[in-house]
Amino acid sequence: MANLVRRKQVDQVEFSGFFVEVGDENYYPLTTNPSGFLDAAALDAATGILDTKINNVSGILNNNISSTGAYCLNYSDNISGNLSTRLMGTGSYLSSVDTALSGYVVTVSGNLNASITGASGTLNTKIDSTSGYLKSYTDSISGILNSQITAASNATTINNIVSGTGFNFTGTKIFNSPIHTQRVNISGVTTPSSIAIVGSSGVASIVGNAGTFVSYYETGANNSLWAVADSAGLPMLELFDDYTLILGHSSRKSLVVSGLSGYVLLPSLPNQNQTGALPSGTLFRSGNHLMIL
């Protein structure tokens, strides 16, 4: 089978000049132009014609542009002249309107001024009348209120007192009804300490900064009616509801006086062997005998 040369191999370097020598009218290159390809002569002729047409057209276009530009210039001049005339005419009309309007404004302002002047006089009269009426009403109310405040502040009896921590009494106050409170603080002006009367179930105590020093008991509460205590709260002098009076602490009683039995006890008397440091006139116990030093 003979070797074939493909169409894409025709223009390769290896085959340069080969087809010219051995080819005929049935092979490439052909002497004719069956497909109507554009050759150099046809291209030169066509470009020359195109160049001439372009030049001709550009000249015509230049003339048209020049003519159109001149026409546009004339038209612009005409339009600007008309516009200038219109603007001038409109400006004159606007000036006339403004002038007429300014006269109208002056007229209206005069009417408005007269209306305001008239209304302000009427308003002034009404304000004067109303203020006088309001003053009379205020004077009446304030007079009544002043009388009520004065009467309330000078009242000798106050039935209700508002609650609050900022309510203070000045001067001398007399309370004709019972005062119910758990604690009353009494602060001296010239003393640095405070004394309080404290109430609890069946007992009222006078308490200072160092503690309770006087207590009053309800009869039958704990058989004690009255007691004077030390700073620790221990009774030093105590009276009971069986007419017994005790001097000294309950753990070391110095003197016990019984009103019912009529006896006096000295349970803490020193013995004879303890009299060395005691002053003259001291009572002491010597066996079953009461002795005086």
C-alpha atoms as a PDB file:
ATOM      1  CA  MET A   1       0.000   0.000   0.000  1.00  0.00           C
ATOM      2  CA  ALA A   2       1.470   3.353  -1.049  1.00  0.00           C
ATOM      3  CA  ASN A   3       2.336   5.909   1.617  1.00  0.00           C
ATOM      4  CA  LEU A   4      -0.027   8.821   1.776  1.00  0.00           C
ATOM      5  CA  VAL A   5       0.790  12.429   2.615  1.00  0.00           C
ATOM      6  CA  ARG A   6      -1.799  14.051   4.741  1.00  0.00           C
ATOM      7  CA  ARG A   7      -3.000  17.578   4.045  1.00  0.00           C
ATOM      8  CA  LYS A   8      -1.571  18.989   7.256  1.00  0.00           C
ATOM      9  CA  GLN A   9       1.906  17.715   6.227  1.00  0.00           C
ATOM     10  CA  VAL A  10       2.037  19.699   2.978  1.00  0.00           C
ATOM     11  CA  ASP A  11       3.447  22.886   4.515  1.00  0.00           C
ATOM     12  CA  GLN A  12       6.097  21.146   6.605  1.00  0.00           C
ATOM     13  CA  VAL A  13       9.785  21.947   5.909  1.00  0.00           C
ATOM     14  CA  GLU A  14      10.641  18.400   4.837  1.00  0.00           C
ATOM     15  CA  PHE A  15       8.279  18.711   1.857  1.00  0.00           C
ATOM     16  CA  SER A  16       9.329  22.222   0.792  1.00  0.00           C
ATOM     17  CA  GLY A  17       9.591  22.289  -3.082  1.00  0.00           C
ATOM     18  CA  PHE A  18       8.682  18.675  -3.420  1.00  0.00           C
ATOM     19  CA  PHE A  19       5.138  19.087  -4.520  1.00  0.00           C
ATOM     20  CA  VAL A  20       6.147  21.823  -7.029  1.00  0.00           C
ATOM     21  CA  GLU A  21       8.438  19.406  -8.889  1.00  0.00           C
ATOM     22  CA  VAL A  22       6.331  16.286  -8.959  1.00  0.00           C
ATOM     23  CA  GLY A  23       2.835  17.613  -8.751  1.00  0.00           C
ATOM     24  CA  ASP A  24       0.382  18.305 -11.560  1.00  0.00           C
ATOM     25  CA  GLU A  25      -2.930  20.106 -11.819  1.00  0.00           C
ATOM     26  CA  ASN A  26      -4.490  17.595  -9.420  1.00  0.00           C
ATOM     27  CA  TYR A  27      -2.152  18.468  -6.545  1.00  0.00           C
ATOM     28  CA  TYR A  28      -1.299  21.547  -4.521  1.00  0.00           C
ATOM     29  CA  PRO A  29      -0.433  24.309  -5.393  1.00  0.00           C
ATOM     30  CA  LEU A  30      -2.989  24.788  -8.110  1.00  0.00           C
ATOM     31  CA  THR A  31      -2.544  27.270 -10.891  1.00  0.00           C
ATOM     32  CA  THR A  32      -6.163  28.291 -10.653  1.00  0.00           C
ATOM     33  CA  ASN A  33      -8.276  29.635  -7.722  1.00  0.00           C
ATOM     34  CA  PRO A  34     -11.313  27.341  -7.663  1.00  0.00           C
ATOM     35  CA  SER A  35     -12.361  28.414  -4.129  1.00  0.00           C
ATOM     36  CA  GLY A  36     -12.175  32.148  -4.879  1.00  0.00           C
ATOM     37  CA  PHE A  37      -9.505  32.967  -2.268  1.00  0.00           C
ATOM     38  CA  LEU A  38      -8.407  36.685  -1.991  1.00  0.00           C
ATOM     39  CA  ASP A  39      -5.037  37.185  -3.616  1.00  0.00           C
ATOM     40  CA  ALA A  40      -2.602  40.098  -3.320  1.00  0.00           C
ATOM     41  CA  ALA A  41      -3.774  41.912  -6.438  1.00  0.00           C
ATOM     42  CA  ALA A  42      -7.391  41.745  -5.409  1.00  0.00           C
ATOM     43  CA  LEU A  43      -6.472  42.880  -1.880  1.00  0.00           C
ATOM     44  CA  ASP A  44      -4.476  45.863  -3.162  1.00  0.00           C
ATOM     45  CA  ALA A  45      -7.307  46.895  -5.439  1.00  0.00           C
ATOM     46  CA  ALA A  46      -9.872  46.498  -2.688  1.00  0.00           C
ATOM     47  CA  THR A  47      -7.857  48.468  -0.109  1.00  0.00           C
ATOM     48  CA  GLY A  48      -7.277  51.238  -2.611  1.00  0.00           C
ATOM     49  CA  ILE A  49     -10.979  51.553  -3.275  1.00  0.00           C
ATOM     50  CA  LEU A  50     -11.690  51.352   0.455  1.00  0.00           C
ATOM     51  CA  ASP A  51      -9.095  54.031   1.120  1.00  0.00           C
ATOM     52  CA  THR A  52     -10.648  56.280  -1.494  1.00  0.00           C
ATOM     53  CA  LYS A  53     -14.097  55.718  -0.057  1.00  0.00           C
ATOM     54  CA  ILE A  54     -12.885  56.388   3.450  1.00  0.00           C
ATOM     55  CA  ASN A  55     -11.248  59.616   2.339  1.00  0.00           C
ATOM     56  CA  ASN A  56     -14.351  60.666   0.423  1.00  0.00           C
ATOM     57  CA  VAL A  57     -16.633  59.797   3.289  1.00  0.00           C
ATOM     58  CA  SER A  58     -14.460  61.523   5.895  1.00  0.00           C
ATOM     59  CA  GLY A  59     -14.429  64.650   3.753  1.00  0.00           C
ATOM     60  CA  ILE A  60     -18.204  64.591   3.453  1.00  0.00           C
ATOM     61  CA  LEU A  61     -18.458  63.883   7.146  1.00  0.00           C
ATOM     62  CA  ASN A  62     -16.154  66.782   7.923  1.00  0.00           C
ATOM     63  CA  ASN A  63     -18.288  69.079   5.797  1.00  0.00           C
ATOM     64  CA  ASN A  64     -21.459  67.800   7.448  1.00  0.00           C
ATOM     65  CA  ILE A  65     -19.950  68.231  10.897  1.00  0.00           C
ATOM     66  CA  SER A  66     -18.812  71.737  10.045  1.00  0.00           C
ATOM     67  CA  SER A  67     -22.217  72.608   8.647  1.00  0.00           C
ATOM     68  CA  THR A  68     -23.987  71.012  11.579  1.00  0.00           C
ATOM     69  CA  GLY A  69     -21.688  72.808  14.063  1.00  0.00           C
ATOM     70  CA  ALA A  70     -22.382  76.148  12.439  1.00  0.00           C
ATOM     71  CA  TYR A  71     -26.099  75.444  12.485  1.00  0.00           C
ATOM     72  CA  CYS A  72     -25.870  74.392  16.118  1.00  0.00           C
ATOM     73  CA  LEU A  73     -23.978  77.589  16.907  1.00  0.00           C
ATOM     74  CA  ASN A  74     -26.634  79.715  15.227  1.00  0.00           C
ATOM     75  CA  TYR A  75     -29.375  77.744  16.937  1.00  0.00           C
ATOM     76  CA  SER A  76     -27.678  78.114  20.305  1.00  0.00           C
ATOM     77  CA  ASP A  77     -27.320  81.829  19.758  1.00  0.00           C
ATOM     78  CA  ASN A  78     -30.996  82.056  18.891  1.00  0.00           C
ATOM     79  CA  ILE A  79     -32.016  79.928  21.865  1.00  0.00           C
ATOM     80  CA  SER A  80     -29.760  81.832  24.286  1.00  0.00           C
ATOM     81  CA  GLY A  81     -31.132  85.097  23.000  1.00  0.00           C
ATOM     82  CA  ASN A  82     -34.661  83.903  23.458  1.00  0.00           C
ATOM     83  CA  LEU A  83     -33.778  82.483  26.845  1.00  0.00           C
ATOM     84  CA  SER A  84     -32.124  85.738  27.866  1.00  0.00           C
ATOM     85  CA  THR A  85     -35.188  87.645  26.787  1.00  0.00           C
ATOM     86  CA  ARG A  86     -37.433  85.221  28.634  1.00  0.00           C
ATOM     87  CA  LEU A  87     -35.272  85.378  31.755  1.00  0.00           C
ATOM     88  CA  MET A  88     -35.215  89.146  31.654  1.00  0.00           C
ATOM     89  CA  GLY A  89     -38.954  89.240  31.092  1.00  0.00           C
ATOM     90  CA  THR A  90     -39.581  86.724  33.857  1.00  0.00           C
ATOM     91  CA  GLY A  91     -37.243  88.609  36.184  1.00  0.00           C
ATOM     92  CA  SER A  92     -39.103  91.842  35.548  1.00  0.00           C
ATOM     93  CA  TYR A  93     -42.398  90.074  36.170  1.00  0.00           C
ATOM     94  CA  LEU A  94     -41.005  88.513  39.319  1.00  0.00           C
ATOM     95  CA  SER A  95     -39.752  91.904  40.442  1.00  0.00           C
ATOM     96  CA  SER A  96     -43.205  93.360  39.856  1.00  0.00           C
ATOM     97  CA  VAL A  97     -44.797  90.484  41.749  1.00  0.00           C
ATOM     98  CA  ASP A  98     -42.343  90.937  44.613  1.00  0.00           C
ATOM     99  CA  THR A  99     -43.048  94.620  44.721  1.00  0.00           C
ATOM    100  CA  ALA A 100     -46.781  94.009  44.753  1.00  0.00           C
ATOM    101  CA  LEU A 101     -46.335  91.252  47.339  1.00  0.00           C
ATOM    102  CA  SER A 102     -44.229  93.513  49.526  1.00  0.00           C
ATOM    103  CA  GLY A 103     -47.037  96.039  49.490  1.00  0.00           C
ATOM    104  CA  TYR A 104     -49.472  93.271  50.408  1.00  0.00           C
ATOM    105  CA  VAL A 105     -47.171  92.110  53.201  1.00  0.00           C
ATOM    106  CA  VAL A 106     -47.042  95.647  54.544  1.00  0.00           C
ATOM    107  CA  THR A 107     -50.816  95.764  54.467  1.00  0.00           C
ATOM    108  CA  VAL A 108     -51.139  92.381  56.129  1.00  0.00           C
ATOM    109  CA  SER A 109     -48.496  93.236  58.723  1.00  0.00           C
ATOM    110  CA  GLY A 110     -50.425  96.365  59.555  1.00  0.00           C
ATOM    111  CA  ASN A 111     -53.620  94.349  59.965  1.00  0.00           C
ATOM    112  CA  LEU A 112     -51.719  91.730  61.945  1.00  0.00           C
ATOM    113  CA  ASN A 113     -50.162  94.413  64.128  1.00  0.00           C
ATOM    114  CA  ALA A 114     -53.573  95.927  64.800  1.00  0.00           C
ATOM    115  CA  SER A 115     -54.991  92.461  65.556  1.00  0.00           C
ATOM    116  CA  ILE A 116     -52.115  91.608  67.891  1.00  0.00           C
ATOM    117  CA  THR A 117     -52.385  94.991  69.590  1.00  0.00           C
ATOM    118  CA  GLY A 118     -56.114  94.549  70.052  1.00  0.00           C
ATOM    119  CA  ALA A 119     -55.785  90.941  71.182  1.00  0.00           C
ATOM    120  CA  SER A 120     -52.925  91.722  73.565  1.00  0.00           C
ATOM    121  CA  GLY A 121     -55.016  94.457  75.181  1.00  0.00           C
ATOM    122  CA  THR A 122     -57.895  92.019  75.592  1.00  0.00           C
ATOM    123  CA  LEU A 123     -55.540  89.323  76.819  1.00  0.00           C
ATOM    124  CA  ASN A 124     -53.926  91.773  79.215  1.00  0.00           C
ATOM    125  CA  THR A 125     -57.362  92.665  80.588  1.00  0.00           C
ATOM    126  CA  LYS A 126     -58.242  88.998  80.997  1.00  0.00           C
ATOM    127  CA  ILE A 127     -54.929  88.243  82.681  1.00  0.00           C
ATOM    128  CA  ASP A 128     -55.404  91.187  85.030  1.00  0.00           C
ATOM    129  CA  SER A 129     -58.920  90.047  85.854  1.00  0.00           C
ATOM    130  CA  THR A 130     -57.928  86.416  86.226  1.00  0.00           C
ATOM    131  CA  SER A 131     -54.815  87.184  88.254  1.00  0.00           C
ATOM    132  CA  GLY A 132     -56.874  89.349  90.571  1.00  0.00           C
ATOM    133  CA  TYR A 133     -59.440  86.586  90.989  1.00  0.00           C
ATOM    134  CA  LEU A 134     -56.693  84.020  91.462  1.00  0.00           C
ATOM    135  CA  LYS A 135     -54.974  86.263  93.990  1.00  0.00           C
ATOM    136  CA  SER A 136     -58.178  86.656  95.967  1.00  0.00           C
ATOM    137  CA  TYR A 137     -58.791  82.903  95.847  1.00  0.00           C
ATOM    138  CA  THR A 138     -55.186  82.184  96.835  1.00  0.00           C
ATOM    139  CA  ASP A 139     -55.371  84.693  99.671  1.00  0.00           C
ATOM    140  CA  SER A 140     -58.564  83.055 100.890  1.00  0.00           C
ATOM    141  CA  ILE A 141     -57.134  79.566 100.676  1.00  0.00           C
ATOM    142  CA  SER A 142     -53.773  80.553 102.160  1.00  0.00           C
ATOM    143  CA  GLY A 143     -55.520  82.409 104.957  1.00  0.00           C
ATOM    144  CA  ILE A 144     -57.632  79.369 105.771  1.00  0.00           C
ATOM    145  CA  LEU A 145     -54.613  77.105 105.455  1.00  0.00           C
ATOM    146  CA  ASN A 146     -52.537  79.442 107.598  1.00  0.00           C
ATOM    147  CA  SER A 147     -55.249  79.439 110.248  1.00  0.00           C
ATOM    148  CA  GLN A 148     -55.403  75.647 110.177  1.00  0.00           C
ATOM    149  CA  ILE A 149     -51.637  75.299 110.382  1.00  0.00           C
ATOM    150  CA  THR A 150     -51.471  77.828 113.208  1.00  0.00           C
ATOM    151  CA  ALA A 151     -54.300  76.124 115.078  1.00  0.00           C
ATOM    152  CA  ALA A 152     -52.730  72.687 114.607  1.00  0.00           C
ATOM    153  CA  SER A 153     -49.276  73.837 115.666  1.00  0.00           C
ATOM    154  CA  ASN A 154     -50.655  75.543 118.795  1.00  0.00           C
ATOM    155  CA  ALA A 155     -52.953  72.668 119.721  1.00  0.00           C
ATOM    156  CA  THR A 156     -52.722  71.574 123.342  1.00  0.00           C
ATOM    157  CA  THR A 157     -53.859  68.047 122.516  1.00  0.00           C
ATOM    158  CA  ILE A 158     -52.550  65.897 119.678  1.00  0.00           C
ATOM    159  CA  ASN A 159     -54.611  62.813 118.975  1.00  0.00           C
ATOM    160  CA  ASN A 160     -52.462  61.202 116.294  1.00  0.00           C
ATOM    161  CA  ILE A 161     -48.739  61.336 115.690  1.00  0.00           C
ATOM    162  CA  VAL A 162     -47.181  60.068 112.504  1.00  0.00           C
ATOM    163  CA  SER A 163     -44.647  57.291 112.865  1.00  0.00           C
ATOM    164  CA  GLY A 164     -41.042  57.651 111.816  1.00  0.00           C
ATOM    165  CA  THR A 165     -37.561  58.039 113.238  1.00  0.00           C
ATOM    166  CA  GLY A 166     -37.375  61.741 112.440  1.00  0.00           C
ATOM    167  CA  PHE A 167     -40.243  62.887 114.682  1.00  0.00           C
ATOM    168  CA  ASN A 168     -38.782  64.953 117.535  1.00  0.00           C
ATOM    169  CA  PHE A 169     -40.418  66.657 120.513  1.00  0.00           C
ATOM    170  CA  THR A 170     -39.335  70.070 121.716  1.00  0.00           C
ATOM    171  CA  GLY A 171     -40.337  71.651 124.976  1.00  0.00           C
ATOM    172  CA  THR A 172     -42.305  70.001 127.738  1.00  0.00           C
ATOM    173  CA  LYS A 173     -44.798  67.319 126.724  1.00  0.00           C
ATOM    174  CA  ILE A 174     -47.470  65.872 128.951  1.00  0.00           C
ATOM    175  CA  PHE A 175     -48.930  62.470 128.052  1.00  0.00           C
ATOM    176  CA  ASN A 176     -52.331  61.814 129.620  1.00  0.00           C
ATOM    177  CA  SER A 177     -52.696  58.372 128.040  1.00  0.00           C
ATOM    178  CA  PRO A 178     -50.559  55.265 128.572  1.00  0.00           C
ATOM    179  CA  ILE A 179     -47.386  54.982 126.529  1.00  0.00           C
ATOM    180  CA  HIS A 180     -46.821  51.521 125.126  1.00  0.00           C
ATOM    181  CA  THR A 181     -43.209  50.806 124.252  1.00  0.00           C
ATOM    182  CA  GLN A 182     -40.618  48.153 124.890  1.00  0.00           C
ATOM    183  CA  ARG A 183     -37.709  50.505 125.361  1.00  0.00           C
ATOM    184  CA  VAL A 184     -37.290  54.161 126.301  1.00  0.00           C
ATOM    185  CA  ASN A 185     -33.855  55.697 125.800  1.00  0.00           C
ATOM    186  CA  ILE A 186     -32.965  58.594 128.074  1.00  0.00           C
ATOM    187  CA  SER A 187     -29.846  60.449 126.961  1.00  0.00           C
ATOM    188  CA  GLY A 188     -28.422  63.136 129.175  1.00  0.00           C
ATOM    189  CA  VAL A 189     -27.245  66.315 127.520  1.00  0.00           C
ATOM    190  CA  THR A 190     -24.341  66.860 129.900  1.00  0.00           C
ATOM    191  CA  THR A 191     -23.480  63.187 130.426  1.00  0.00           C
ATOM    192  CA  PRO A 192     -21.715  60.929 127.926  1.00  0.00           C
ATOM    193  CA  SER A 193     -23.744  57.807 128.790  1.00  0.00           C
ATOM    194  CA  SER A 194     -27.281  56.806 127.940  1.00  0.00           C
ATOM    195  CA  ILE A 195     -29.850  55.257 130.241  1.00  0.00           C
ATOM    196  CA  ALA A 196     -32.712  53.149 128.993  1.00  0.00           C
ATOM    197  CA  ILE A 197     -35.844  51.837 130.610  1.00  0.00           C
ATOM    198  CA  VAL A 198     -36.373  48.378 129.181  1.00  0.00           C
ATOM    199  CA  GLY A 199     -39.541  46.391 129.644  1.00  0.00           C
ATOM    200  CA  SER A 200     -39.972  42.652 129.238  1.00  0.00           C
ATOM    201  CA  SER A 201     -42.362  40.013 130.537  1.00  0.00           C
ATOM    202  CA  GLY A 202     -43.096  40.903 134.171  1.00  0.00           C
ATOM    203  CA  VAL A 203     -40.052  43.129 134.662  1.00  0.00           C
ATOM    204  CA  ALA A 204     -38.949  46.716 134.032  1.00  0.00           C
ATOM    205  CA  SER A 205     -35.239  47.444 134.186  1.00  0.00           C
ATOM    206  CA  ILE A 206     -33.088  50.527 134.144  1.00  0.00           C
ATOM    207  CA  VAL A 207     -30.124  49.770 131.927  1.00  0.00           C
ATOM    208  CA  GLY A 208     -26.949  51.783 131.410  1.00  0.00           C
ATOM    209  CA  ASN A 209     -23.928  51.302 129.215  1.00  0.00           C
ATOM    210  CA  ALA A 210     -22.473  48.888 131.792  1.00  0.00           C
ATOM    211  CA  GLY A 211     -25.633  46.788 132.044  1.00  0.00           C
ATOM    212  CA  THR A 212     -28.785  46.524 134.171  1.00  0.00           C
ATOM    213  CA  PHE A 213     -28.449  48.122 137.597  1.00  0.00           C
ATOM    214  CA  VAL A 214     -32.082  48.383 138.804  1.00  0.00           C
ATOM    215  CA  SER A 215     -34.968  46.005 138.066  1.00  0.00           C
ATOM    216  CA  TYR A 216     -38.601  46.041 139.141  1.00  0.00           C
ATOM    217  CA  TYR A 217     -40.491  42.747 139.010  1.00  0.00           C
ATOM    218  CA  GLU A 218     -44.175  42.042 138.863  1.00  0.00           C
ATOM    219  CA  THR A 219     -45.504  40.363 142.019  1.00  0.00           C
ATOM    220  CA  GLY A 220     -45.229  36.620 141.667  1.00  0.00           C
ATOM    221  CA  ALA A 221     -43.087  36.775 138.568  1.00  0.00           C
ATOM    222  CA  ASN A 222     -40.014  35.233 140.248  1.00  0.00           C
ATOM    223  CA  ASN A 223     -40.617  36.160 143.952  1.00  0.00           C
ATOM    224  CA  SER A 224     -38.346  39.180 143.459  1.00  0.00           C
ATOM    225  CA  LEU A 225     -39.869  42.645 143.478  1.00  0.00           C
ATOM    226  CA  TRP A 226     -36.892  44.903 143.220  1.00  0.00           C
ATOM    227  CA  ALA A 227     -33.177  44.461 142.708  1.00  0.00           C
ATOM    228  CA  VAL A 228     -30.058  46.550 142.347  1.00  0.00           C
ATOM    229  CA  ALA A 229     -27.413  44.794 140.279  1.00  0.00           C
ATOM    230  CA  ASP A 230     -23.725  45.280 139.652  1.00  0.00           C
ATOM    231  CA  SER A 231     -22.151  45.791 136.217  1.00  0.00           C
ATOM    232  CA  ALA A 232     -22.294  42.040 135.636  1.00  0.00           C
ATOM    233  CA  GLY A 233     -26.043  41.992 136.232  1.00  0.00           C
ATOM    234  CA  LEU A 234     -25.794  40.125 139.570  1.00  0.00           C
ATOM    235  CA  PRO A 235     -28.124  41.451 142.301  1.00  0.00           C
ATOM    236  CA  MET A 236     -26.397  43.238 145.211  1.00  0.00           C
ATOM    237  CA  LEU A 237     -29.600  44.366 146.940  1.00  0.00           C
ATOM    238  CA  GLU A 238     -32.834  42.491 146.342  1.00  0.00           C
ATOM    239  CA  LEU A 239     -36.339  42.608 147.816  1.00  0.00           C
ATOM    240  CA  PHE A 240     -38.701  39.631 147.573  1.00  0.00           C
ATOM    241  CA  ASP A 241     -42.459  39.418 147.825  1.00  0.00           C
ATOM    242  CA  ASP A 242     -42.177  37.486 151.160  1.00  0.00           C
ATOM    243  CA  TYR A 243     -40.701  40.647 152.745  1.00  0.00           C
ATOM    244  CA  THR A 244     -37.187  39.283 152.581  1.00  0.00           C
ATOM    245  CA  LEU A 245     -34.357  41.702 151.915  1.00  0.00           C
ATOM    246  CA  ILE A 246     -30.989  40.356 150.843  1.00  0.00           C
ATOM    247  CA  LEU A 247     -27.782  42.357 150.737  1.00  0.00           C
ATOM    248  CA  GLY A 248     -25.002  40.789 148.688  1.00  0.00           C
ATOM    249  CA  HIS A 249     -24.786  38.289 145.890  1.00  0.00           C
ATOM    250  CA  SER A 250     -26.913  35.174 146.041  1.00  0.00           C
ATOM    251  CA  SER A 251     -23.748  33.047 146.259  1.00  0.00           C
ATOM    252  CA  ARG A 252     -22.311  35.151 149.090  1.00  0.00           C
ATOM    253  CA  LYS A 253     -25.054  36.874 151.082  1.00  0.00           C
ATOM    254  CA  SER A 254     -23.900  39.511 153.536  1.00  0.00           C
ATOM    255  CA  LEU A 255     -27.224  40.292 155.202  1.00  0.00           C
ATOM    256  CA  VAL A 256     -30.644  38.652 155.096  1.00  0.00           C
ATOM    257  CA  VAL A 257     -33.615  40.364 156.764  1.00  0.00           C
ATOM    258  CA  SER A 258     -36.887  38.434 156.996  1.00  0.00           C
ATOM    259  CA  GLY A 259     -39.902  40.602 157.613  1.00  0.00           C
ATOM    260  CA  LEU A 260     -42.288  37.721 158.255  1.00  0.00           C
ATOM    261  CA  SER A 261     -40.079  35.755 160.634  1.00  0.00           C
ATOM    262  CA  GLY A 262     -38.432  38.811 162.141  1.00  0.00           C
ATOM    263  CA  TYR A 263     -34.888  37.467 161.989  1.00  0.00           C
ATOM    264  CA  VAL A 264     -31.685  38.925 160.685  1.00  0.00           C
ATOM    265  CA  LEU A 265     -29.045  36.623 159.250  1.00  0.00           C
ATOM    266  CA  LEU A 266     -25.406  37.378 158.731  1.00  0.00           C
ATOM    267  CA  PRO A 267     -24.335  34.260 156.806  1.00  0.00           C
ATOM    268  CA  SER A 268     -20.952  35.559 155.716  1.00  0.00           C
ATOM    269  CA  LEU A 269     -19.549  36.814 159.077  1.00  0.00           C
ATOM    270  CA  PRO A 270     -15.849  36.209 159.481  1.00  0.00           C
ATOM    271  CA  ASN A 271     -14.605  33.731 162.090  1.00  0.00           C
ATOM    272  CA  GLN A 272     -12.412  34.675 165.042  1.00  0.00           C
ATOM    273  CA  ASN A 273      -9.281  33.520 163.302  1.00  0.00           C
ATOM    274  CA  GLN A 274     -10.049  35.950 160.423  1.00  0.00           C
ATOM    275  CA  THR A 275     -10.254  39.119 162.498  1.00  0.00           C
ATOM    276  CA  GLY A 276      -6.627  40.093 162.187  1.00  0.00           C
ATOM    277  CA  ALA A 277      -7.146  42.434 159.242  1.00  0.00           C
ATOM    278  CA  LEU A 278     -10.618  43.666 160.172  1.00  0.00           C
ATOM    279  CA  PRO A 279     -11.251  47.170 161.527  1.00  0.00           C
ATOM    280  CA  SER A 280     -12.483  47.896 165.026  1.00  0.00           C
ATOM    281  CA  GLY A 281     -16.233  47.488 165.528  1.00  0.00           C
ATOM    282  CA  THR A 282     -16.539  44.581 163.090  1.00  0.00           C
ATOM    283  CA  LEU A 283     -18.969  41.809 163.993  1.00  0.00           C
ATOM    284  CA  PHE A 284     -17.505  38.325 163.830  1.00  0.00           C
ATOM    285  CA  ARG A 285     -18.472  34.814 164.842  1.00  0.00           C
ATOM    286  CA  SER A 286     -16.820  32.966 167.616  1.00  0.00           C
ATOM    287  CA  GLY A 287     -18.312  29.507 167.824  1.00  0.00           C
ATOM    288  CA  ASN A 288     -22.013  30.045 168.400  1.00  0.00           C
ATOM    289  CA  HIS A 289     -21.498  33.568 169.723  1.00  0.00           C
ATOM    290  CA  LEU A 290     -21.663  36.930 167.967  1.00  0.00           C
ATOM    291  CA  MET A 291     -18.745  39.098 168.915  1.00  0.00           C
ATOM    292  CA  ILE A 292     -17.718  42.703 168.194  1.00  0.00           C
ATOM    293  CA  LEU A 293     -14.082  43.431 167.479  1.00  0.00           C
END
